Amino acid sequence: QVRLVDSGGDLVQPGGSLRLSCAASGIPISSYVMGWYRQASGKLRELVATIDTAGLTDYADAVKGRFTISRDNAKNTVYLQMNNLRPEDAAVYYCRAGSEYWGFGTLVAVSS
């Protein structure tokens, strides 16, 4: 059974940092393009960042220079380092493996 467990969400002040984790089981993430998506209240889910099997990364314009996606294939885990958080970054963040598998999400709140 495939599971993606998202964690690391929290309430932070604007300008703060968080690191999200996505721990996978049942699949080797080394074989998948991994991505982080987010969905704010009342909005559609949107792509935040991806990392392919070679380690190449891509980011939404809104997070470039602030967020970093990385993967640790030995731990079968993907990370999203989020710096200089803004109120508009508040959302439920979801991990995705390929096009088939989703995590359950972790909530990020940004407020003073």
N, C-alpha and C. Protein backbone atom coordinates (compact mmCIF):
# COMPACT_ATOMS: atom_id res chain seq x y z
N GLN A 1 0.84 -1.19 0.00
CA GLN A 1 0.00 0.00 0.00
C GLN A 1 0.88 1.24 0.00
N VAL A 2 0.53 2.18 -0.87
CA VAL A 2 1.31 3.40 -0.98
C VAL A 2 0.77 4.45 -0.01
N ARG A 3 1.68 5.06 0.72
CA ARG A 3 1.31 6.15 1.62
C ARG A 3 2.31 7.28 1.49
N LEU A 4 1.78 8.50 1.44
CA LEU A 4 2.59 9.70 1.51
C LEU A 4 2.13 10.47 2.73
N VAL A 5 3.00 10.64 3.68
CA VAL A 5 2.64 11.30 4.93
C VAL A 5 3.29 12.68 4.97
N ASP A 6 2.45 13.69 4.85
CA ASP A 6 2.92 15.08 4.89
C ASP A 6 2.95 15.55 6.34
N SER A 7 3.99 16.30 6.67
CA SER A 7 4.07 16.83 8.02
C SER A 7 4.89 18.12 8.03
N GLY A 8 4.87 18.81 9.15
CA GLY A 8 5.69 20.01 9.32
C GLY A 8 4.92 21.31 9.29
N GLY A 9 3.64 21.26 8.95
CA GLY A 9 2.84 22.48 8.93
C GLY A 9 2.66 23.05 10.33
N ASP A 10 2.53 24.37 10.38
CA ASP A 10 2.40 25.03 11.68
C ASP A 10 1.91 26.45 11.46
N LEU A 11 1.70 27.17 12.54
CA LEU A 11 1.39 28.60 12.49
C LEU A 11 2.70 29.37 12.68
N VAL A 12 3.00 30.24 11.73
CA VAL A 12 4.21 31.05 11.83
C VAL A 12 3.87 32.50 11.53
N GLN A 13 4.75 33.38 11.97
CA GLN A 13 4.58 34.80 11.68
C GLN A 13 5.13 35.11 10.30
N PRO A 14 4.64 36.16 9.67
CA PRO A 14 5.23 36.58 8.39
C PRO A 14 6.73 36.76 8.52
N GLY A 15 7.45 36.28 7.52
CA GLY A 15 8.90 36.31 7.56
C GLY A 15 9.52 35.07 8.16
N GLY A 16 8.71 34.21 8.73
CA GLY A 16 9.21 33.00 9.36
C GLY A 16 9.50 31.89 8.35
N SER A 17 9.96 30.77 8.89
CA SER A 17 10.35 29.62 8.06
C SER A 17 9.72 28.34 8.58
N LEU A 18 9.51 27.42 7.67
CA LEU A 18 9.04 26.07 8.00
C LEU A 18 9.70 25.09 7.04
N ARG A 19 9.84 23.86 7.49
CA ARG A 19 10.26 22.79 6.60
C ARG A 19 9.20 21.70 6.62
N LEU A 20 8.63 21.44 5.46
CA LEU A 20 7.66 20.37 5.31
C LEU A 20 8.37 19.10 4.89
N SER A 21 7.82 17.97 5.33
CA SER A 21 8.36 16.67 4.97
C SER A 21 7.26 15.81 4.36
N CYS A 22 7.65 14.96 3.45
CA CYS A 22 6.73 13.99 2.85
C CYS A 22 7.43 12.65 2.89
N ALA A 23 7.01 11.81 3.81
CA ALA A 23 7.61 10.48 3.97
C ALA A 23 6.78 9.47 3.19
N ALA A 24 7.43 8.80 2.26
CA ALA A 24 6.73 7.85 1.40
C ALA A 24 6.99 6.42 1.85
N SER A 25 5.99 5.58 1.64
CA SER A 25 6.14 4.14 1.83
C SER A 25 5.37 3.45 0.72
N GLY A 26 5.87 2.29 0.32
CA GLY A 26 5.20 1.54 -0.72
C GLY A 26 5.69 1.83 -2.12
N ILE A 27 6.42 2.92 -2.29
CA ILE A 27 7.03 3.26 -3.58
C ILE A 27 8.41 3.84 -3.32
N PRO A 28 9.31 3.68 -4.27
CA PRO A 28 10.61 4.35 -4.17
C PRO A 28 10.53 5.73 -4.79
N ILE A 29 10.67 6.78 -4.00
CA ILE A 29 10.52 8.12 -4.58
C ILE A 29 11.58 8.40 -5.62
N SER A 30 12.66 7.62 -5.61
CA SER A 30 13.73 7.82 -6.59
C SER A 30 13.23 7.59 -8.01
N SER A 31 12.11 6.90 -8.15
CA SER A 31 11.57 6.59 -9.47
C SER A 31 10.47 7.56 -9.91
N TYR A 32 10.19 8.56 -9.10
CA TYR A 32 9.06 9.45 -9.36
C TYR A 32 9.48 10.92 -9.39
N VAL A 33 8.80 11.66 -10.23
CA VAL A 33 8.83 13.12 -10.08
C VAL A 33 7.98 13.45 -8.87
N MET A 34 8.57 14.18 -7.94
CA MET A 34 7.87 14.52 -6.71
C MET A 34 7.50 16.00 -6.73
N GLY A 35 6.35 16.29 -6.16
CA GLY A 35 5.91 17.68 -6.17
C GLY A 35 5.23 18.08 -4.88
N TRP A 36 5.24 19.36 -4.64
CA TRP A 36 4.45 19.96 -3.57
C TRP A 36 3.40 20.87 -4.21
N TYR A 37 2.18 20.74 -3.73
CA TYR A 37 1.07 21.56 -4.17
C TYR A 37 0.46 22.22 -2.94
N ARG A 38 -0.34 23.25 -3.17
CA ARG A 38 -1.03 23.86 -2.05
C ARG A 38 -2.43 24.28 -2.47
N GLN A 39 -3.29 24.33 -1.47
CA GLN A 39 -4.66 24.76 -1.72
C GLN A 39 -5.10 25.67 -0.59
N ALA A 40 -5.29 26.94 -0.92
CA ALA A 40 -5.78 27.89 0.05
C ALA A 40 -7.30 27.83 0.09
N SER A 41 -7.86 28.30 1.18
CA SER A 41 -9.30 28.27 1.35
C SER A 41 -10.00 29.00 0.21
N GLY A 42 -10.93 28.31 -0.44
CA GLY A 42 -11.70 28.91 -1.51
C GLY A 42 -10.99 28.99 -2.85
N LYS A 43 -9.81 28.40 -2.93
CA LYS A 43 -9.04 28.47 -4.18
C LYS A 43 -8.73 27.07 -4.70
N LEU A 44 -8.33 27.02 -5.95
CA LEU A 44 -7.95 25.75 -6.56
C LEU A 44 -6.56 25.31 -6.06
N ARG A 45 -6.33 24.02 -6.11
CA ARG A 45 -5.01 23.51 -5.76
C ARG A 45 -4.02 23.97 -6.83
N GLU A 46 -2.84 24.38 -6.40
CA GLU A 46 -1.84 24.88 -7.34
C GLU A 46 -0.49 24.24 -7.08
N LEU A 47 0.29 24.15 -8.14
CA LEU A 47 1.62 23.59 -8.05
C LEU A 47 2.56 24.60 -7.38
N VAL A 48 3.37 24.11 -6.45
CA VAL A 48 4.36 24.94 -5.78
C VAL A 48 5.76 24.66 -6.29
N ALA A 49 6.13 23.38 -6.32
CA ALA A 49 7.49 23.02 -6.71
C ALA A 49 7.53 21.55 -7.11
N THR A 50 8.47 21.23 -8.00
CA THR A 50 8.70 19.85 -8.37
C THR A 50 10.19 19.55 -8.38
N ILE A 51 10.50 18.27 -8.23
CA ILE A 51 11.87 17.80 -8.36
C ILE A 51 11.82 16.49 -9.11
N ASP A 52 12.61 16.38 -10.18
CA ASP A 52 12.53 15.17 -10.98
C ASP A 52 13.54 14.14 -10.47
N THR A 53 13.61 13.02 -11.18
CA THR A 53 14.45 11.92 -10.71
C THR A 53 15.94 12.24 -10.79
N ALA A 54 16.29 13.24 -11.59
CA ALA A 54 17.70 13.66 -11.68
C ALA A 54 18.02 14.78 -10.70
N GLY A 55 17.01 15.25 -9.98
CA GLY A 55 17.23 16.31 -9.01
C GLY A 55 16.99 17.70 -9.54
N LEU A 56 16.50 17.80 -10.76
CA LEU A 56 16.20 19.10 -11.33
C LEU A 56 14.92 19.63 -10.70
N THR A 57 14.92 20.91 -10.38
CA THR A 57 13.80 21.50 -9.66
C THR A 57 13.11 22.59 -10.50
N ASP A 58 11.86 22.83 -10.15
CA ASP A 58 11.10 23.89 -10.80
C ASP A 58 10.16 24.46 -9.76
N TYR A 59 9.87 25.77 -9.87
CA TYR A 59 9.08 26.45 -8.85
C TYR A 59 8.03 27.36 -9.49
N ALA A 60 6.94 27.52 -8.78
CA ALA A 60 5.98 28.55 -9.16
C ALA A 60 6.63 29.92 -8.95
N ASP A 61 6.27 30.86 -9.79
CA ASP A 61 6.85 32.19 -9.69
C ASP A 61 6.67 32.80 -8.30
N ALA A 62 5.54 32.50 -7.68
CA ALA A 62 5.22 33.12 -6.39
C ALA A 62 6.17 32.70 -5.28
N VAL A 63 6.89 31.58 -5.46
CA VAL A 63 7.73 31.08 -4.37
C VAL A 63 9.21 31.05 -4.74
N LYS A 64 9.55 31.39 -5.97
CA LYS A 64 10.95 31.35 -6.39
C LYS A 64 11.81 32.24 -5.50
N GLY A 65 12.94 31.69 -5.10
CA GLY A 65 13.85 32.43 -4.24
C GLY A 65 13.54 32.32 -2.76
N ARG A 66 12.38 31.77 -2.43
CA ARG A 66 11.99 31.63 -1.02
C ARG A 66 11.84 30.17 -0.60
N PHE A 67 11.39 29.32 -1.52
CA PHE A 67 11.15 27.91 -1.22
C PHE A 67 12.21 27.05 -1.91
N THR A 68 12.54 25.94 -1.28
CA THR A 68 13.47 24.98 -1.86
C THR A 68 12.93 23.57 -1.67
N ILE A 69 12.80 22.85 -2.77
CA ILE A 69 12.39 21.44 -2.71
C ILE A 69 13.63 20.57 -2.78
N SER A 70 13.63 19.50 -2.02
CA SER A 70 14.77 18.57 -2.05
C SER A 70 14.25 17.17 -1.77
N ARG A 71 15.10 16.20 -2.04
CA ARG A 71 14.71 14.82 -1.81
C ARG A 71 15.87 14.07 -1.19
N ASP A 72 15.54 13.13 -0.32
CA ASP A 72 16.52 12.21 0.26
C ASP A 72 16.03 10.82 -0.09
N ASN A 73 16.60 10.27 -1.14
CA ASN A 73 16.13 8.96 -1.61
C ASN A 73 16.40 7.86 -0.58
N ALA A 74 17.46 7.99 0.18
CA ALA A 74 17.77 6.98 1.19
C ALA A 74 16.70 6.94 2.28
N LYS A 75 16.14 8.10 2.60
CA LYS A 75 15.08 8.18 3.60
C LYS A 75 13.69 8.11 2.97
N ASN A 76 13.67 8.07 1.63
CA ASN A 76 12.40 8.03 0.90
C ASN A 76 11.50 9.20 1.29
N THR A 77 12.11 10.37 1.38
CA THR A 77 11.43 11.55 1.88
C THR A 77 11.74 12.76 1.00
N VAL A 78 10.73 13.58 0.80
CA VAL A 78 10.87 14.84 0.07
C VAL A 78 10.60 15.97 1.04
N TYR A 79 11.31 17.06 0.86
CA TYR A 79 11.20 18.20 1.76
C TYR A 79 10.83 19.47 0.98
N LEU A 80 10.23 20.39 1.69
CA LEU A 80 10.00 21.73 1.15
C LEU A 80 10.42 22.73 2.23
N GLN A 81 11.55 23.38 2.01
CA GLN A 81 12.01 24.42 2.91
C GLN A 81 11.36 25.73 2.47
N MET A 82 10.66 26.36 3.38
CA MET A 82 9.93 27.58 3.07
C MET A 82 10.46 28.71 3.95
N ASN A 83 11.03 29.71 3.32
CA ASN A 83 11.57 30.86 4.03
C ASN A 83 10.80 32.13 3.67
N ASN A 84 10.94 33.12 4.53
CA ASN A 84 10.29 34.42 4.30
C ASN A 84 8.81 34.23 3.96
N LEU A 85 8.12 33.48 4.79
CA LEU A 85 6.72 33.18 4.53
C LEU A 85 5.86 34.43 4.57
N ARG A 86 4.87 34.43 3.71
CA ARG A 86 3.93 35.55 3.58
C ARG A 86 2.52 35.08 3.91
N PRO A 87 1.64 35.98 4.27
CA PRO A 87 0.26 35.56 4.54
C PRO A 87 -0.38 34.81 3.37
N GLU A 88 -0.01 35.17 2.16
CA GLU A 88 -0.59 34.50 0.99
C GLU A 88 -0.06 33.09 0.78
N ASP A 89 0.94 32.68 1.55
CA ASP A 89 1.44 31.30 1.48
C ASP A 89 0.58 30.35 2.33
N ALA A 90 -0.32 30.88 3.11
CA ALA A 90 -1.15 30.04 3.98
C ALA A 90 -2.03 29.12 3.14
N ALA A 91 -1.97 27.84 3.44
CA ALA A 91 -2.72 26.84 2.66
C ALA A 91 -2.49 25.48 3.27
N VAL A 92 -3.22 24.51 2.75
CA VAL A 92 -2.89 23.11 3.02
C VAL A 92 -1.92 22.68 1.92
N TYR A 93 -0.80 22.14 2.33
CA TYR A 93 0.25 21.72 1.40
C TYR A 93 0.20 20.20 1.25
N TYR A 94 0.25 19.76 -0.01
CA TYR A 94 0.15 18.35 -0.34
C TYR A 94 1.39 17.90 -1.12
N CYS A 95 1.86 16.73 -0.77
CA CYS A 95 2.91 16.08 -1.53
C CYS A 95 2.28 15.21 -2.62
N ARG A 96 2.99 15.09 -3.74
CA ARG A 96 2.49 14.24 -4.82
C ARG A 96 3.65 13.45 -5.41
N ALA A 97 3.39 12.19 -5.70
CA ALA A 97 4.36 11.33 -6.36
C ALA A 97 3.83 10.98 -7.74
N GLY A 98 4.55 11.39 -8.77
CA GLY A 98 4.08 11.16 -10.13
C GLY A 98 2.73 11.81 -10.32
N SER A 99 1.84 11.11 -11.01
CA SER A 99 0.49 11.64 -11.18
C SER A 99 -0.53 10.80 -10.43
N GLU A 100 -0.02 9.79 -9.71
CA GLU A 100 -0.95 8.84 -9.11
C GLU A 100 -1.22 9.06 -7.64
N TYR A 101 -0.24 9.51 -6.90
CA TYR A 101 -0.33 9.44 -5.44
C TYR A 101 -0.24 10.82 -4.79
N TRP A 102 -1.11 11.01 -3.79
CA TRP A 102 -1.16 12.27 -3.04
C TRP A 102 -0.99 11.98 -1.55
N GLY A 103 -0.38 12.93 -0.87
CA GLY A 103 -0.39 12.92 0.58
C GLY A 103 -1.70 13.48 1.08
N PHE A 104 -1.87 13.42 2.42
CA PHE A 104 -3.10 13.88 3.03
C PHE A 104 -3.10 15.37 3.35
N GLY A 105 -1.93 15.97 3.27
CA GLY A 105 -1.85 17.41 3.46
C GLY A 105 -1.40 17.80 4.85
N THR A 106 -0.78 18.98 4.92
CA THR A 106 -0.37 19.57 6.19
C THR A 106 -0.64 21.07 6.11
N LEU A 107 -1.19 21.62 7.20
CA LEU A 107 -1.67 22.98 7.19
C LEU A 107 -0.58 23.98 7.56
N VAL A 108 -0.43 24.98 6.71
CA VAL A 108 0.50 26.08 6.99
C VAL A 108 -0.33 27.35 7.17
N ALA A 109 -0.18 27.98 8.32
CA ALA A 109 -0.86 29.24 8.60
C ALA A 109 0.19 30.32 8.81
N VAL A 110 -0.03 31.48 8.22
CA VAL A 110 0.93 32.58 8.34
C VAL A 110 0.17 33.81 8.84
N SER A 111 0.45 34.18 10.05
CA SER A 111 -0.29 35.30 10.64
C SER A 111 0.49 35.88 11.80
N SER A 112 0.34 37.18 11.98
CA SER A 112 0.97 37.82 13.13
C SER A 112 -0.01 37.89 14.30
